[in-house]
């Protein structure tokens, strides 16, 4: 089995089990295999665009389009060590309203569905999220030391990112903030 796939699978299991729908927070998984960096981000839509329901007006549809365009620009979301010579490759963005789809693929929570129950949503409220993946290809992977996470600049609603890494140097977990945005690789 491809080592990147193995690393990505290992990263996804703990994050998926522990993921809580928490506004202002996101999760990030980073796997390094040879000259390839694979990155995955999960976030509530509210954290990225300010709402989680199907867009009701043009302003909301425009916010979703802007989010998608921003997330597709991997080189504006992440900055690997310059000496590693990394180039942003493929980016994928998924959310329940992509392409104007109004179908809800979000999951319902009860009144206590948020961490600490602080949001007071009723039983029938929906919570939608976005998932984005990127790849970077590096010409000098031996020089790769860190990944600066620029997501905070593009999305001010992101206050905290729980990040996990799997690299040839080992695995790690850390919480990133706007003032602590460098991820050791």
N, C-alpha and C. Protein backbone atom coordinates (compact mmCIF):
# COMPACT_ATOMS: atom_id res chain seq x y z
N UNK A 1 0.85 -1.18 0.00
CA UNK A 1 0.00 0.00 0.00
C UNK A 1 0.89 1.24 0.00
N UNK A 2 0.50 2.26 -0.73
CA UNK A 2 1.23 3.51 -0.80
C UNK A 2 1.39 4.11 0.60
N UNK A 3 2.60 4.55 0.93
CA UNK A 3 2.87 5.07 2.27
C UNK A 3 2.03 6.30 2.59
N UNK A 4 1.81 7.19 1.60
CA UNK A 4 0.99 8.38 1.84
C UNK A 4 -0.41 7.98 2.23
N UNK A 5 -0.96 6.99 1.55
CA UNK A 5 -2.31 6.52 1.88
C UNK A 5 -2.33 5.98 3.30
N UNK A 6 -1.31 5.21 3.67
CA UNK A 6 -1.22 4.67 5.04
C UNK A 6 -1.17 5.79 6.05
N UNK A 7 -0.29 6.79 5.79
CA UNK A 7 -0.17 7.90 6.72
C UNK A 7 -1.48 8.67 6.84
N UNK A 8 -2.11 8.92 5.71
CA UNK A 8 -3.38 9.66 5.73
C UNK A 8 -4.44 8.87 6.49
N UNK A 9 -4.48 7.57 6.30
CA UNK A 9 -5.45 6.74 7.02
C UNK A 9 -5.18 6.77 8.51
N UNK A 10 -3.92 6.69 8.90
CA UNK A 10 -3.57 6.72 10.32
C UNK A 10 -3.98 8.05 10.94
N UNK A 11 -3.82 9.14 10.20
CA UNK A 11 -4.20 10.44 10.72
C UNK A 11 -5.70 10.58 10.83
N UNK A 12 -6.43 10.07 9.86
CA UNK A 12 -7.87 10.28 9.82
C UNK A 12 -8.61 9.57 10.94
N UNK A 13 -8.13 8.43 11.37
CA UNK A 13 -8.86 7.68 12.39
C UNK A 13 -9.02 8.43 13.70
N UNK A 14 -7.95 8.93 14.33
CA UNK A 14 -8.14 9.63 15.60
C UNK A 14 -8.96 10.90 15.45
N UNK A 15 -8.75 11.64 14.36
CA UNK A 15 -9.46 12.90 14.17
C UNK A 15 -10.94 12.65 13.98
N UNK A 16 -11.30 11.65 13.19
CA UNK A 16 -12.70 11.37 12.94
C UNK A 16 -13.40 10.95 14.21
N UNK A 17 -12.72 10.18 15.03
CA UNK A 17 -13.33 9.71 16.26
C UNK A 17 -13.55 10.84 17.25
N UNK A 18 -12.67 11.83 17.25
CA UNK A 18 -12.73 12.89 18.24
C UNK A 18 -13.37 14.17 17.72
N UNK A 19 -13.73 14.23 16.45
CA UNK A 19 -14.23 15.46 15.87
C UNK A 19 -15.55 15.90 16.51
N UNK A 20 -15.58 17.14 16.93
CA UNK A 20 -16.76 17.75 17.51
C UNK A 20 -17.06 18.98 16.67
N UNK A 21 -18.33 19.22 16.41
CA UNK A 21 -18.74 20.40 15.64
C UNK A 21 -18.61 21.61 16.56
N UNK A 22 -17.53 22.35 16.41
CA UNK A 22 -17.25 23.48 17.29
C UNK A 22 -16.94 24.71 16.45
N UNK A 23 -17.77 25.73 16.55
CA UNK A 23 -17.55 26.94 15.79
C UNK A 23 -16.25 27.60 16.21
N UNK A 24 -15.51 28.13 15.22
CA UNK A 24 -14.22 28.77 15.47
C UNK A 24 -13.06 27.80 15.44
N UNK A 25 -13.35 26.50 15.37
CA UNK A 25 -12.30 25.50 15.38
C UNK A 25 -12.33 24.69 14.08
N UNK A 26 -11.18 24.17 13.72
CA UNK A 26 -11.05 23.31 12.55
C UNK A 26 -10.04 22.22 12.88
N UNK A 27 -10.00 21.19 12.05
CA UNK A 27 -8.99 20.15 12.20
C UNK A 27 -8.16 20.10 10.92
N UNK A 28 -6.90 19.78 11.09
CA UNK A 28 -5.96 19.72 9.98
C UNK A 28 -5.14 18.45 10.12
N UNK A 29 -5.00 17.73 9.02
CA UNK A 29 -4.17 16.53 8.98
C UNK A 29 -3.14 16.71 7.88
N UNK A 30 -1.87 16.47 8.22
CA UNK A 30 -0.78 16.67 7.28
C UNK A 30 0.06 15.39 7.25
N UNK A 31 0.26 14.85 6.05
CA UNK A 31 1.10 13.67 5.87
C UNK A 31 2.20 14.02 4.86
N UNK A 32 3.43 13.65 5.20
CA UNK A 32 4.56 13.88 4.30
C UNK A 32 5.11 12.52 3.92
N UNK A 33 5.21 12.29 2.61
CA UNK A 33 5.76 11.04 2.09
C UNK A 33 6.67 11.37 0.93
N UNK A 34 7.97 11.21 1.13
CA UNK A 34 8.91 11.57 0.08
C UNK A 34 8.79 13.05 -0.23
N UNK A 35 8.54 13.37 -1.48
CA UNK A 35 8.41 14.75 -1.90
C UNK A 35 6.98 15.25 -1.96
N UNK A 36 6.04 14.52 -1.35
CA UNK A 36 4.63 14.91 -1.41
C UNK A 36 4.09 15.25 -0.02
N UNK A 37 3.42 16.38 0.07
CA UNK A 37 2.70 16.77 1.28
C UNK A 37 1.22 16.64 0.96
N UNK A 38 0.48 15.90 1.78
CA UNK A 38 -0.97 15.78 1.62
C UNK A 38 -1.61 16.43 2.85
N UNK A 39 -2.55 17.35 2.61
CA UNK A 39 -3.16 18.12 3.68
C UNK A 39 -4.68 18.00 3.58
N UNK A 40 -5.35 17.83 4.72
CA UNK A 40 -6.82 17.79 4.76
C UNK A 40 -7.30 18.71 5.88
N UNK A 41 -8.31 19.53 5.59
CA UNK A 41 -8.90 20.46 6.56
C UNK A 41 -10.39 20.17 6.67
N UNK A 42 -10.90 20.14 7.89
CA UNK A 42 -12.34 20.02 8.17
C UNK A 42 -12.73 21.21 9.02
N UNK A 43 -13.86 21.85 8.69
CA UNK A 43 -14.32 23.00 9.46
C UNK A 43 -15.82 23.15 9.34
N UNK A 44 -16.49 23.61 10.40
CA UNK A 44 -17.89 23.99 10.25
C UNK A 44 -17.99 25.13 9.24
N UNK A 45 -19.02 25.13 8.42
CA UNK A 45 -19.20 26.23 7.45
C UNK A 45 -19.31 27.57 8.16
N UNK A 46 -19.95 27.60 9.32
CA UNK A 46 -20.11 28.85 10.06
C UNK A 46 -18.76 29.50 10.33
N UNK A 47 -17.75 28.71 10.61
CA UNK A 47 -16.42 29.22 10.89
C UNK A 47 -15.81 29.87 9.65
N UNK A 48 -16.15 29.36 8.47
CA UNK A 48 -15.56 29.86 7.23
C UNK A 48 -16.37 30.96 6.56
N UNK A 49 -17.71 30.87 6.61
CA UNK A 49 -18.54 31.85 5.89
C UNK A 49 -19.59 32.54 6.75
N UNK A 50 -19.74 32.12 7.99
CA UNK A 50 -20.69 32.80 8.88
C UNK A 50 -22.09 32.22 8.93
N UNK A 51 -22.33 31.12 8.23
CA UNK A 51 -23.64 30.44 8.28
C UNK A 51 -23.44 28.98 7.89
N UNK A 52 -24.43 28.14 8.24
CA UNK A 52 -24.32 26.71 7.93
C UNK A 52 -25.49 26.18 7.12
N UNK A 53 -26.51 26.97 6.95
CA UNK A 53 -27.70 26.55 6.22
C UNK A 53 -27.51 26.75 4.72
N UNK A 54 -28.45 26.22 3.95
CA UNK A 54 -28.42 26.46 2.50
C UNK A 54 -28.47 27.97 2.26
N UNK A 55 -27.71 28.47 1.29
CA UNK A 55 -27.69 29.92 1.06
C UNK A 55 -29.09 30.42 0.72
N UNK A 56 -29.48 31.51 1.35
CA UNK A 56 -30.83 32.06 1.16
C UNK A 56 -30.85 33.31 0.30
N UNK A 57 -29.69 33.88 0.06
CA UNK A 57 -29.62 35.13 -0.71
C UNK A 57 -28.30 35.16 -1.48
N UNK A 58 -28.21 36.08 -2.41
CA UNK A 58 -27.01 36.17 -3.25
C UNK A 58 -25.76 36.44 -2.43
N UNK A 59 -25.86 37.23 -1.39
CA UNK A 59 -24.69 37.51 -0.53
C UNK A 59 -24.12 36.22 0.05
N UNK A 60 -24.98 35.30 0.45
CA UNK A 60 -24.52 34.03 1.00
C UNK A 60 -23.95 33.12 -0.09
N UNK A 61 -24.58 33.11 -1.27
CA UNK A 61 -24.03 32.32 -2.38
C UNK A 61 -22.65 32.84 -2.76
N UNK A 62 -22.49 34.16 -2.76
CA UNK A 62 -21.19 34.77 -3.07
C UNK A 62 -20.15 34.40 -2.01
N UNK A 63 -20.55 34.35 -0.75
CA UNK A 63 -19.63 33.96 0.33
C UNK A 63 -19.14 32.52 0.13
N UNK A 64 -20.03 31.63 -0.30
CA UNK A 64 -19.63 30.25 -0.56
C UNK A 64 -18.67 30.17 -1.75
N UNK A 65 -18.95 30.93 -2.81
CA UNK A 65 -18.05 30.94 -3.97
C UNK A 65 -16.67 31.47 -3.59
N UNK A 66 -16.64 32.52 -2.78
CA UNK A 66 -15.37 33.10 -2.34
C UNK A 66 -14.60 32.10 -1.48
N UNK A 67 -15.30 31.39 -0.58
CA UNK A 67 -14.66 30.38 0.25
C UNK A 67 -14.04 29.29 -0.62
N UNK A 68 -14.81 28.79 -1.59
CA UNK A 68 -14.31 27.74 -2.48
C UNK A 68 -13.07 28.20 -3.23
N UNK A 69 -13.10 29.41 -3.78
CA UNK A 69 -11.95 29.93 -4.53
C UNK A 69 -10.74 30.09 -3.62
N UNK A 70 -10.95 30.59 -2.41
CA UNK A 70 -9.84 30.75 -1.47
C UNK A 70 -9.23 29.41 -1.11
N UNK A 71 -10.06 28.43 -0.81
CA UNK A 71 -9.56 27.11 -0.42
C UNK A 71 -8.84 26.41 -1.57
N UNK A 72 -9.26 26.66 -2.80
CA UNK A 72 -8.60 26.02 -3.95
C UNK A 72 -7.19 26.56 -4.19
N UNK A 73 -6.90 27.73 -3.65
CA UNK A 73 -5.57 28.34 -3.82
C UNK A 73 -4.67 27.85 -2.68
N UNK A 74 -4.18 26.63 -2.81
CA UNK A 74 -3.38 26.02 -1.76
C UNK A 74 -2.17 26.83 -1.34
N UNK A 75 -1.55 27.53 -2.30
CA UNK A 75 -0.37 28.33 -1.98
C UNK A 75 -0.72 29.56 -1.15
N UNK A 76 -2.01 29.89 -1.05
CA UNK A 76 -2.44 30.99 -0.19
C UNK A 76 -2.94 30.48 1.17
N UNK A 77 -3.08 29.17 1.29
CA UNK A 77 -3.52 28.56 2.55
C UNK A 77 -2.35 28.03 3.37
N UNK A 78 -1.26 27.63 2.67
CA UNK A 78 -0.12 26.99 3.33
C UNK A 78 1.18 27.44 2.68
N UNK A 79 2.22 27.57 3.51
CA UNK A 79 3.54 27.93 3.00
C UNK A 79 4.56 26.96 3.59
N UNK A 80 4.96 25.95 2.79
CA UNK A 80 6.03 25.04 3.25
C UNK A 80 7.37 25.76 3.26
N UNK A 81 8.35 25.20 3.95
CA UNK A 81 9.70 25.73 3.98
C UNK A 81 10.14 26.07 2.55
N UNK A 82 10.56 27.30 2.32
CA UNK A 82 10.92 27.76 0.97
C UNK A 82 12.00 26.90 0.33
N UNK A 83 13.01 26.50 1.11
CA UNK A 83 14.13 25.73 0.57
C UNK A 83 13.71 24.35 0.05
N UNK A 84 12.52 23.88 0.42
CA UNK A 84 12.05 22.57 -0.03
C UNK A 84 11.53 22.62 -1.47
N UNK A 85 11.32 23.80 -2.01
CA UNK A 85 10.87 23.93 -3.40
C UNK A 85 9.52 23.29 -3.66
N UNK A 86 8.56 23.53 -2.80
CA UNK A 86 7.23 22.91 -2.93
C UNK A 86 6.31 23.72 -3.82
N UNK A 87 5.54 23.03 -4.62
CA UNK A 87 4.57 23.64 -5.51
C UNK A 87 3.19 23.06 -5.21
N UNK A 88 2.21 23.96 -5.10
CA UNK A 88 0.84 23.52 -4.83
C UNK A 88 0.33 22.73 -6.02
N UNK A 89 -0.28 21.60 -5.72
CA UNK A 89 -0.87 20.76 -6.76
C UNK A 89 -2.38 20.80 -6.66
N UNK A 90 -2.97 19.65 -6.76
CA UNK A 90 -4.42 19.52 -6.77
C UNK A 90 -5.05 19.95 -5.45
N UNK A 91 -6.19 20.63 -5.55
CA UNK A 91 -6.99 21.02 -4.38
C UNK A 91 -8.44 20.60 -4.65
N UNK A 92 -9.08 20.07 -3.60
CA UNK A 92 -10.49 19.69 -3.70
C UNK A 92 -11.22 20.32 -2.54
N UNK A 93 -12.42 20.85 -2.81
CA UNK A 93 -13.24 21.47 -1.78
C UNK A 93 -14.62 20.84 -1.85
N UNK A 94 -15.11 20.38 -0.71
CA UNK A 94 -16.44 19.77 -0.64
C UNK A 94 -17.24 20.41 0.49
N UNK A 95 -18.51 20.67 0.20
CA UNK A 95 -19.47 21.11 1.22
C UNK A 95 -20.86 20.83 0.67
N UNK A 96 -21.87 20.79 1.51
CA UNK A 96 -23.20 20.36 1.05
C UNK A 96 -23.87 21.29 0.05
N UNK A 97 -23.39 22.51 -0.11
CA UNK A 97 -24.04 23.45 -1.02
C UNK A 97 -23.18 23.76 -2.23
N UNK A 98 -22.18 22.93 -2.49
CA UNK A 98 -21.31 23.12 -3.65
C UNK A 98 -22.12 23.09 -4.93
N UNK A 99 -21.77 23.95 -5.84
CA UNK A 99 -22.48 23.99 -7.11
C UNK A 99 -23.92 24.43 -6.97
N UNK A 100 -24.25 25.13 -5.88
CA UNK A 100 -25.61 25.61 -5.67
C UNK A 100 -26.57 24.55 -5.19
N UNK A 101 -26.07 23.36 -4.88
CA UNK A 101 -26.96 22.29 -4.41
C UNK A 101 -27.59 22.69 -3.09
N UNK A 102 -28.87 22.54 -2.98
CA UNK A 102 -29.58 22.88 -1.75
C UNK A 102 -29.80 21.66 -0.88
N UNK A 103 -29.43 20.49 -1.40
CA UNK A 103 -29.64 19.27 -0.61
C UNK A 103 -28.78 19.33 0.64
N UNK A 104 -29.36 19.00 1.75
CA UNK A 104 -28.63 19.02 3.01
C UNK A 104 -27.96 17.68 3.23
N UNK A 105 -26.64 17.74 3.36
CA UNK A 105 -25.92 16.54 3.73
C UNK A 105 -25.33 16.72 5.12
N UNK A 106 -25.73 17.81 5.76
CA UNK A 106 -25.26 18.07 7.11
C UNK A 106 -25.94 17.11 8.07
N UNK A 107 -25.38 16.98 9.24
CA UNK A 107 -25.97 16.10 10.23
C UNK A 107 -26.68 16.93 11.29
N UNK A 108 -27.73 16.38 11.85
CA UNK A 108 -28.51 17.09 12.86
C UNK A 108 -27.92 16.83 14.24
N UNK A 109 -28.01 17.83 15.09
CA UNK A 109 -27.59 17.71 16.49
C UNK A 109 -28.78 18.03 17.37
N UNK A 110 -28.79 17.50 18.53
CA UNK A 110 -29.78 17.89 19.53
C UNK A 110 -29.36 19.21 20.14
N UNK A 111 -30.11 19.68 21.12
CA UNK A 111 -29.84 20.96 21.75
C UNK A 111 -28.45 21.01 22.38
N UNK A 112 -27.91 19.86 22.77
CA UNK A 112 -26.59 19.84 23.37
C UNK A 112 -25.52 19.41 22.38
N UNK A 113 -25.77 19.56 21.08
CA UNK A 113 -24.85 19.09 20.04
C UNK A 113 -23.55 19.84 19.94
N UNK A 114 -23.46 21.03 20.49
CA UNK A 114 -22.21 21.75 20.47
C UNK A 114 -21.46 21.50 21.76
N UNK A 115 -20.16 21.63 21.69
CA UNK A 115 -19.34 21.48 22.88
C UNK A 115 -19.85 22.46 23.94
N UNK A 116 -20.10 21.98 25.09
CA UNK A 116 -20.60 22.76 26.23
C UNK A 116 -22.03 23.26 26.01
N UNK A 117 -22.69 22.88 24.92
CA UNK A 117 -24.08 23.26 24.68
C UNK A 117 -24.30 24.76 24.63
N UNK A 118 -23.34 25.53 24.19
CA UNK A 118 -23.45 26.98 24.26
C UNK A 118 -24.25 27.62 23.13
N UNK A 119 -24.57 26.89 22.09
CA UNK A 119 -25.19 27.54 20.95
C UNK A 119 -26.71 27.49 20.95
N UNK A 120 -27.32 26.62 21.72
CA UNK A 120 -28.76 26.62 21.87
C UNK A 120 -29.56 26.29 20.63
N UNK A 121 -29.00 25.57 19.65
CA UNK A 121 -29.75 25.17 18.48
C UNK A 121 -30.79 24.14 18.89
N UNK A 122 -31.94 24.17 18.26
CA UNK A 122 -32.98 23.20 18.53
C UNK A 122 -32.66 21.86 17.89
N UNK A 123 -33.49 20.87 18.19
CA UNK A 123 -33.26 19.51 17.72
C UNK A 123 -33.16 19.41 16.20
N UNK A 124 -33.93 20.22 15.49
CA UNK A 124 -33.99 20.09 14.04
C UNK A 124 -33.00 20.98 13.29
N UNK A 125 -32.15 21.70 14.00
CA UNK A 125 -31.16 22.54 13.34
C UNK A 125 -30.15 21.67 12.61
N UNK A 126 -29.62 22.18 11.53
CA UNK A 126 -28.62 21.47 10.74
C UNK A 126 -27.26 22.14 10.93
N UNK A 127 -26.21 21.34 10.87
CA UNK A 127 -24.86 21.86 10.96
C UNK A 127 -24.08 21.30 9.78
N UNK A 128 -23.59 22.21 8.95
CA UNK A 128 -22.86 21.80 7.76
C UNK A 128 -21.39 22.14 7.90
N UNK A 129 -20.57 21.35 7.24
CA UNK A 129 -19.14 21.57 7.29
C UNK A 129 -18.53 21.56 5.90
N UNK A 130 -17.28 21.98 5.85
CA UNK A 130 -16.52 21.95 4.61
C UNK A 130 -15.31 21.05 4.82
N UNK A 131 -14.92 20.39 3.75
CA UNK A 131 -13.74 19.53 3.75
C UNK A 131 -12.91 19.93 2.54
N UNK A 132 -11.63 20.18 2.77
CA UNK A 132 -10.74 20.54 1.66
C UNK A 132 -9.46 19.71 1.77
N UNK A 133 -8.93 19.33 0.61
CA UNK A 133 -7.67 18.59 0.56
C UNK A 133 -6.75 19.24 -0.46
N UNK A 134 -5.47 19.18 -0.17
CA UNK A 134 -4.45 19.74 -1.04
C UNK A 134 -3.27 18.79 -1.13
N UNK A 135 -2.53 18.90 -2.21
CA UNK A 135 -1.24 18.23 -2.30
C UNK A 135 -0.20 19.28 -2.72
N UNK A 136 0.99 19.10 -2.21
CA UNK A 136 2.14 19.90 -2.60
C UNK A 136 3.22 18.90 -3.01
N UNK A 137 3.95 19.22 -4.06
CA UNK A 137 5.07 18.39 -4.50
C UNK A 137 6.34 19.21 -4.29
N UNK A 138 7.31 18.60 -3.60
CA UNK A 138 8.54 19.31 -3.23
C UNK A 138 9.74 18.72 -3.97
N UNK A 139 10.57 19.59 -4.55
CA UNK A 139 11.76 19.14 -5.28
C UNK A 139 12.92 18.82 -4.34
N UNK A 140 12.93 19.41 -3.14
CA UNK A 140 13.99 19.16 -2.15
C UNK A 140 13.34 18.82 -0.79
N UNK A 141 12.66 17.68 -0.72
CA UNK A 141 11.92 17.35 0.50
C UNK A 141 12.79 17.27 1.75
N UNK A 142 14.09 16.98 1.60
CA UNK A 142 14.99 16.92 2.75
C UNK A 142 15.09 18.26 3.46
N UNK A 143 14.77 19.35 2.77
CA UNK A 143 14.83 20.70 3.37
C UNK A 143 13.51 21.09 4.05
N UNK A 144 12.51 20.25 3.94
CA UNK A 144 11.19 20.55 4.51
C UNK A 144 11.24 20.48 6.04
N UNK A 145 10.99 21.58 6.70
CA UNK A 145 11.06 21.64 8.16
C UNK A 145 9.75 22.07 8.79
N UNK A 146 8.97 22.90 8.07
CA UNK A 146 7.73 23.41 8.67
C UNK A 146 6.72 23.77 7.59
N UNK A 147 5.50 23.95 8.06
CA UNK A 147 4.41 24.37 7.20
C UNK A 147 3.73 25.54 7.91
N UNK A 148 3.76 26.71 7.30
CA UNK A 148 3.05 27.85 7.87
C UNK A 148 1.60 27.77 7.41
N UNK A 149 0.69 27.82 8.35
CA UNK A 149 -0.74 27.70 8.06
C UNK A 149 -1.32 29.11 7.94
N UNK A 150 -1.70 29.47 6.71
CA UNK A 150 -2.22 30.81 6.40
C UNK A 150 -3.74 30.86 6.40
N UNK A 151 -4.37 29.76 6.74
CA UNK A 151 -5.84 29.67 6.77
C UNK A 151 -6.42 30.78 7.64
N UNK A 152 -5.73 31.11 8.73
CA UNK A 152 -6.20 32.15 9.65
C UNK A 152 -6.36 33.50 8.95
N UNK A 153 -5.49 33.79 7.99
CA UNK A 153 -5.56 35.07 7.27
C UNK A 153 -6.77 35.11 6.34
N UNK A 154 -7.03 34.01 5.68
CA UNK A 154 -8.14 33.96 4.72
C UNK A 154 -9.50 33.86 5.41
N UNK A 155 -9.51 33.23 6.59
CA UNK A 155 -10.77 32.98 7.30
C UNK A 155 -10.65 33.42 8.75
N UNK A 156 -10.95 34.69 9.05
CA UNK A 156 -10.80 35.21 10.41
C UNK A 156 -11.67 34.49 11.45
N UNK A 157 -12.69 33.77 11.01
CA UNK A 157 -13.53 33.01 11.93
C UNK A 157 -12.82 31.80 12.52
N UNK A 158 -11.70 31.41 11.90
CA UNK A 158 -10.93 30.27 12.42
C UNK A 158 -10.05 30.80 13.55
N UNK A 159 -10.34 30.35 14.76
CA UNK A 159 -9.59 30.79 15.95
C UNK A 159 -8.60 29.74 16.43
N UNK A 160 -8.86 28.47 16.07
CA UNK A 160 -8.03 27.38 16.56
C UNK A 160 -8.10 26.23 15.56
N UNK A 161 -6.94 25.61 15.31
CA UNK A 161 -6.88 24.45 14.43
C UNK A 161 -6.16 23.34 15.18
N UNK A 162 -6.84 22.22 15.35
CA UNK A 162 -6.21 21.03 15.93
C UNK A 162 -5.53 20.28 14.79
N UNK A 163 -4.20 20.25 14.82
CA UNK A 163 -3.43 19.68 13.72
C UNK A 163 -2.74 18.40 14.13
N UNK A 164 -2.71 17.45 13.21
CA UNK A 164 -1.97 16.20 13.38
C UNK A 164 -1.05 16.04 12.18
N UNK A 165 0.17 15.57 12.45
CA UNK A 165 1.12 15.34 11.37
C UNK A 165 1.66 13.92 11.42
N UNK A 166 1.98 13.41 10.26
CA UNK A 166 2.69 12.13 10.12
C UNK A 166 3.76 12.37 9.06
N UNK A 167 5.01 12.29 9.48
CA UNK A 167 6.14 12.55 8.60
C UNK A 167 7.18 11.47 8.82
N UNK A 168 8.22 11.43 8.01
CA UNK A 168 9.30 10.47 8.26
C UNK A 168 9.95 10.66 9.63
N UNK A 169 9.79 11.85 10.21
CA UNK A 169 10.37 12.14 11.54
C UNK A 169 9.46 11.68 12.67
N UNK A 170 8.22 11.28 12.37
CA UNK A 170 7.30 10.81 13.40
C UNK A 170 5.94 11.46 13.30
N UNK A 171 5.11 11.20 14.30
CA UNK A 171 3.76 11.76 14.36
C UNK A 171 3.68 12.76 15.50
N UNK A 172 2.80 13.75 15.34
CA UNK A 172 2.62 14.77 16.37
C UNK A 172 1.22 15.35 16.27
N UNK A 173 0.80 15.97 17.35
CA UNK A 173 -0.47 16.70 17.40
C UNK A 173 -0.21 18.02 18.12
N UNK A 174 -0.79 19.09 17.62
CA UNK A 174 -0.59 20.41 18.19
C UNK A 174 -1.82 21.27 17.88
N UNK A 175 -2.06 22.28 18.70
CA UNK A 175 -3.13 23.23 18.43
C UNK A 175 -2.50 24.51 17.90
N UNK A 176 -2.97 24.94 16.74
CA UNK A 176 -2.49 26.16 16.10
C UNK A 176 -3.48 27.29 16.37
N UNK A 177 -2.96 28.52 16.44
CA UNK A 177 -3.78 29.72 16.62
C UNK A 177 -3.25 30.79 15.66
N UNK A 178 -3.96 31.90 15.52
CA UNK A 178 -3.45 32.95 14.64
C UNK A 178 -2.05 33.43 15.02
N UNK A 179 -1.68 33.36 16.29
CA UNK A 179 -0.34 33.79 16.70
C UNK A 179 0.67 32.64 16.75
N UNK A 180 0.20 31.42 16.64
CA UNK A 180 1.08 30.23 16.61
C UNK A 180 0.64 29.37 15.43
N UNK A 181 1.15 29.70 14.26
CA UNK A 181 0.64 29.10 13.03
C UNK A 181 1.65 28.26 12.28
N UNK A 182 2.80 28.00 12.85
CA UNK A 182 3.81 27.18 12.18
C UNK A 182 3.77 25.76 12.70
N UNK A 183 3.70 24.83 11.77
CA UNK A 183 3.58 23.41 12.09
C UNK A 183 4.90 22.74 11.75
N UNK A 184 5.57 22.18 12.76
CA UNK A 184 6.85 21.51 12.53
C UNK A 184 6.60 20.22 11.75
N UNK A 185 7.44 19.99 10.75
CA UNK A 185 7.35 18.75 9.96
C UNK A 185 8.65 17.98 10.14
